[in-house]
Amino acid sequence: MTVLFYSGMLEYTGGVRSYKSSDSPDIRSLIDELGCHFGNHLKDFLLGDGNCFLLLNGKGIMATGGLDTRLQPGDKVEVLPFIEAG
């Protein structure tokens, strides 16, 4: 699966706009993986209350199961700072 980061998120990823993951089974595990790769500052931001908006294949994850949303190969996860998603 591919994770895409937009504008304000780039400060947490060191300017990296996309990341490939092949084995995270759900959003929660993916966030753990991203924290290991980019640092806990990103993980803390992603898990913070209302900090960002996560889309899975164009749908907000709150409509697909929240952090327990299952992931499949080929999925696209987009991470937008909340201000840009609103």
N, C-alpha and C. Protein backbone atom coordinates (compact mmCIF):
# COMPACT_ATOMS: atom_id res chain seq x y z
N MET A 1 0.84 -1.17 0.00
CA MET A 1 0.00 0.00 0.00
C MET A 1 0.88 1.23 0.00
N THR A 2 0.30 2.33 -0.41
CA THR A 2 1.02 3.60 -0.48
C THR A 2 0.41 4.58 0.50
N VAL A 3 1.26 5.28 1.22
CA VAL A 3 0.82 6.35 2.11
C VAL A 3 1.30 7.66 1.50
N LEU A 4 0.39 8.59 1.33
CA LEU A 4 0.72 9.90 0.77
C LEU A 4 0.58 10.97 1.85
N PHE A 5 1.57 11.84 1.94
CA PHE A 5 1.58 12.93 2.91
C PHE A 5 1.46 14.25 2.18
N TYR A 6 0.66 15.16 2.72
CA TYR A 6 0.44 16.45 2.09
C TYR A 6 0.94 17.59 2.97
N SER A 7 1.40 18.63 2.35
CA SER A 7 1.93 19.90 2.87
C SER A 7 2.37 19.86 4.32
N GLY A 8 1.55 20.27 5.27
CA GLY A 8 1.96 20.38 6.66
C GLY A 8 2.52 19.09 7.25
N MET A 9 2.21 17.97 6.67
CA MET A 9 2.71 16.69 7.17
C MET A 9 4.18 16.48 6.82
N LEU A 10 4.67 17.22 5.83
CA LEU A 10 6.03 17.01 5.37
C LEU A 10 7.07 17.37 6.43
N GLU A 11 6.72 18.24 7.37
CA GLU A 11 7.66 18.54 8.44
C GLU A 11 7.86 17.33 9.35
N TYR A 12 6.90 16.44 9.41
CA TYR A 12 7.00 15.23 10.22
C TYR A 12 7.71 14.10 9.49
N THR A 13 7.77 14.19 8.16
CA THR A 13 8.36 13.11 7.36
C THR A 13 9.70 13.50 6.75
N GLY A 14 10.20 14.68 7.11
CA GLY A 14 11.46 15.13 6.54
C GLY A 14 11.36 15.43 5.06
N GLY A 15 10.17 15.83 4.62
CA GLY A 15 9.96 16.17 3.22
C GLY A 15 9.52 15.02 2.34
N VAL A 16 9.44 13.82 2.90
CA VAL A 16 9.01 12.64 2.13
C VAL A 16 7.51 12.75 1.86
N ARG A 17 7.12 12.61 0.60
CA ARG A 17 5.72 12.74 0.20
C ARG A 17 4.98 11.41 0.11
N SER A 18 5.71 10.31 -0.04
CA SER A 18 5.04 9.01 -0.11
C SER A 18 5.89 7.94 0.55
N TYR A 19 5.22 6.90 1.01
CA TYR A 19 5.86 5.81 1.71
C TYR A 19 5.17 4.53 1.29
N LYS A 20 5.94 3.49 1.02
CA LYS A 20 5.38 2.19 0.64
C LYS A 20 5.42 1.25 1.83
N SER A 21 4.30 0.64 2.11
CA SER A 21 4.20 -0.37 3.16
C SER A 21 3.59 -1.61 2.53
N SER A 22 4.07 -2.76 2.94
CA SER A 22 3.53 -3.98 2.34
C SER A 22 2.87 -4.92 3.33
N ASP A 23 3.01 -4.64 4.63
CA ASP A 23 2.52 -5.67 5.54
C ASP A 23 1.72 -5.19 6.74
N SER A 24 1.33 -3.94 6.81
CA SER A 24 0.50 -3.49 7.93
C SER A 24 -0.94 -3.97 7.70
N PRO A 25 -1.49 -4.72 8.65
CA PRO A 25 -2.82 -5.28 8.44
C PRO A 25 -3.96 -4.28 8.65
N ASP A 26 -3.70 -3.20 9.40
CA ASP A 26 -4.75 -2.22 9.68
C ASP A 26 -4.12 -0.84 9.90
N ILE A 27 -4.98 0.17 10.02
CA ILE A 27 -4.50 1.54 10.17
C ILE A 27 -3.66 1.70 11.43
N ARG A 28 -4.07 1.11 12.53
CA ARG A 28 -3.32 1.21 13.78
C ARG A 28 -1.89 0.68 13.61
N SER A 29 -1.74 -0.46 12.97
CA SER A 29 -0.42 -1.04 12.73
C SER A 29 0.39 -0.18 11.77
N LEU A 30 -0.29 0.40 10.79
CA LEU A 30 0.39 1.28 9.85
C LEU A 30 0.96 2.51 10.58
N ILE A 31 0.19 3.07 11.49
CA ILE A 31 0.67 4.23 12.26
C ILE A 31 1.88 3.83 13.10
N ASP A 32 1.86 2.64 13.69
CA ASP A 32 3.04 2.15 14.42
C ASP A 32 4.25 2.05 13.50
N GLU A 33 4.03 1.50 12.31
CA GLU A 33 5.11 1.36 11.33
C GLU A 33 5.66 2.73 10.93
N LEU A 34 4.77 3.68 10.68
CA LEU A 34 5.20 5.03 10.32
C LEU A 34 5.99 5.68 11.45
N GLY A 35 5.57 5.42 12.69
CA GLY A 35 6.30 5.94 13.84
C GLY A 35 7.70 5.36 13.92
N CYS A 36 7.85 4.08 13.63
CA CYS A 36 9.18 3.46 13.62
C CYS A 36 10.05 4.03 12.51
N HIS A 37 9.44 4.29 11.36
CA HIS A 37 10.21 4.77 10.21
C HIS A 37 10.56 6.27 10.31
N PHE A 38 9.57 7.09 10.67
CA PHE A 38 9.76 8.54 10.67
C PHE A 38 9.99 9.13 12.07
N GLY A 39 9.68 8.38 13.11
CA GLY A 39 9.85 8.87 14.47
C GLY A 39 8.52 9.00 15.20
N ASN A 40 8.61 8.92 16.52
CA ASN A 40 7.40 8.98 17.34
C ASN A 40 6.66 10.31 17.23
N HIS A 41 7.35 11.37 16.82
CA HIS A 41 6.66 12.65 16.66
C HIS A 41 5.55 12.53 15.62
N LEU A 42 5.76 11.76 14.56
CA LEU A 42 4.72 11.54 13.56
C LEU A 42 3.60 10.68 14.14
N LYS A 43 3.97 9.62 14.81
CA LYS A 43 2.96 8.74 15.42
C LYS A 43 2.09 9.51 16.39
N ASP A 44 2.71 10.30 17.25
CA ASP A 44 1.96 11.09 18.23
C ASP A 44 1.01 12.06 17.53
N PHE A 45 1.48 12.67 16.45
CA PHE A 45 0.61 13.59 15.71
C PHE A 45 -0.57 12.85 15.11
N LEU A 46 -0.32 11.70 14.49
CA LEU A 46 -1.39 10.94 13.85
C LEU A 46 -2.43 10.44 14.84
N LEU A 47 -2.00 10.14 16.05
CA LEU A 47 -2.92 9.64 17.07
C LEU A 47 -3.52 10.76 17.92
N GLY A 48 -3.04 12.00 17.72
CA GLY A 48 -3.54 13.13 18.49
C GLY A 48 -4.99 13.43 18.15
N ASP A 49 -5.67 14.03 19.08
CA ASP A 49 -7.09 14.33 18.93
C ASP A 49 -7.33 15.43 17.89
N GLY A 50 -7.87 15.06 16.75
CA GLY A 50 -8.26 16.02 15.74
C GLY A 50 -7.13 16.67 14.97
N ASN A 51 -5.94 16.08 15.01
CA ASN A 51 -4.79 16.69 14.34
C ASN A 51 -4.79 16.50 12.83
N CYS A 52 -5.33 15.39 12.37
CA CYS A 52 -5.26 15.12 10.94
C CYS A 52 -6.45 14.29 10.49
N PHE A 53 -6.53 14.14 9.21
CA PHE A 53 -7.62 13.41 8.57
C PHE A 53 -6.97 12.32 7.74
N LEU A 54 -7.39 11.07 7.94
CA LEU A 54 -6.85 9.95 7.18
C LEU A 54 -7.91 9.44 6.21
N LEU A 55 -7.51 9.28 4.98
CA LEU A 55 -8.38 8.73 3.94
C LEU A 55 -7.84 7.39 3.50
N LEU A 56 -8.72 6.43 3.32
CA LEU A 56 -8.36 5.14 2.74
C LEU A 56 -9.11 5.03 1.43
N ASN A 57 -8.37 5.02 0.34
CA ASN A 57 -8.97 4.94 -0.99
C ASN A 57 -10.06 5.98 -1.18
N GLY A 58 -9.80 7.19 -0.65
CA GLY A 58 -10.71 8.30 -0.84
C GLY A 58 -11.81 8.46 0.20
N LYS A 59 -11.90 7.54 1.16
CA LYS A 59 -12.93 7.62 2.20
C LYS A 59 -12.27 7.85 3.55
N GLY A 60 -12.87 8.72 4.36
CA GLY A 60 -12.38 8.94 5.71
C GLY A 60 -12.42 7.66 6.51
N ILE A 61 -11.38 7.39 7.30
CA ILE A 61 -11.32 6.11 8.01
C ILE A 61 -12.40 5.98 9.08
N MET A 62 -12.99 7.08 9.52
CA MET A 62 -14.07 6.96 10.50
C MET A 62 -15.29 6.26 9.87
N ALA A 63 -15.39 6.29 8.56
CA ALA A 63 -16.48 5.61 7.85
C ALA A 63 -16.12 4.17 7.50
N THR A 64 -14.85 3.79 7.72
CA THR A 64 -14.43 2.45 7.33
C THR A 64 -13.98 1.58 8.50
N GLY A 65 -14.06 2.10 9.72
CA GLY A 65 -13.67 1.31 10.89
C GLY A 65 -12.64 1.97 11.78
N GLY A 66 -12.32 3.22 11.52
CA GLY A 66 -11.36 3.93 12.37
C GLY A 66 -9.99 3.29 12.31
N LEU A 67 -9.31 3.27 13.45
CA LEU A 67 -7.95 2.72 13.52
C LEU A 67 -7.91 1.22 13.25
N ASP A 68 -9.04 0.55 13.37
CA ASP A 68 -9.09 -0.89 13.13
C ASP A 68 -9.42 -1.23 11.67
N THR A 69 -9.49 -0.23 10.82
CA THR A 69 -9.76 -0.45 9.39
C THR A 69 -8.71 -1.37 8.81
N ARG A 70 -9.16 -2.44 8.18
CA ARG A 70 -8.26 -3.41 7.55
C ARG A 70 -7.67 -2.84 6.27
N LEU A 71 -6.42 -3.18 6.01
CA LEU A 71 -5.71 -2.71 4.82
C LEU A 71 -5.39 -3.88 3.91
N GLN A 72 -5.36 -3.59 2.62
CA GLN A 72 -5.07 -4.59 1.60
C GLN A 72 -3.94 -4.08 0.70
N PRO A 73 -3.19 -4.99 0.07
CA PRO A 73 -2.19 -4.53 -0.90
C PRO A 73 -2.88 -3.67 -1.96
N GLY A 74 -2.23 -2.62 -2.37
CA GLY A 74 -2.78 -1.73 -3.37
C GLY A 74 -3.60 -0.58 -2.82
N ASP A 75 -3.89 -0.60 -1.50
CA ASP A 75 -4.63 0.51 -0.90
C ASP A 75 -3.81 1.79 -0.93
N LYS A 76 -4.53 2.91 -0.90
CA LYS A 76 -3.88 4.22 -0.82
C LYS A 76 -4.41 4.93 0.43
N VAL A 77 -3.47 5.28 1.32
CA VAL A 77 -3.82 6.02 2.53
C VAL A 77 -3.26 7.42 2.37
N GLU A 78 -4.12 8.41 2.55
CA GLU A 78 -3.71 9.80 2.45
C GLU A 78 -3.79 10.44 3.83
N VAL A 79 -2.76 11.20 4.18
CA VAL A 79 -2.67 11.86 5.48
C VAL A 79 -2.67 13.37 5.25
N LEU A 80 -3.73 14.01 5.73
CA LEU A 80 -3.86 15.46 5.55
C LEU A 80 -3.97 16.12 6.92
N PRO A 81 -3.23 17.22 7.14
CA PRO A 81 -3.44 17.99 8.36
C PRO A 81 -4.89 18.44 8.39
N PHE A 82 -5.51 18.45 9.55
CA PHE A 82 -6.94 18.72 9.67
C PHE A 82 -7.35 20.02 8.97
N ILE A 83 -6.56 21.02 9.07
CA ILE A 83 -6.92 22.31 8.46
C ILE A 83 -7.12 22.20 6.95
N GLU A 84 -6.37 21.30 6.30
CA GLU A 84 -6.50 21.14 4.86
C GLU A 84 -7.65 20.24 4.47
N ALA A 85 -8.08 19.38 5.39
CA ALA A 85 -9.16 18.45 5.09
C ALA A 85 -10.52 19.13 5.27
N GLY A 86 -10.57 20.20 6.02
CA GLY A 86 -11.84 20.83 6.34
C GLY A 86 -12.30 21.72 5.27
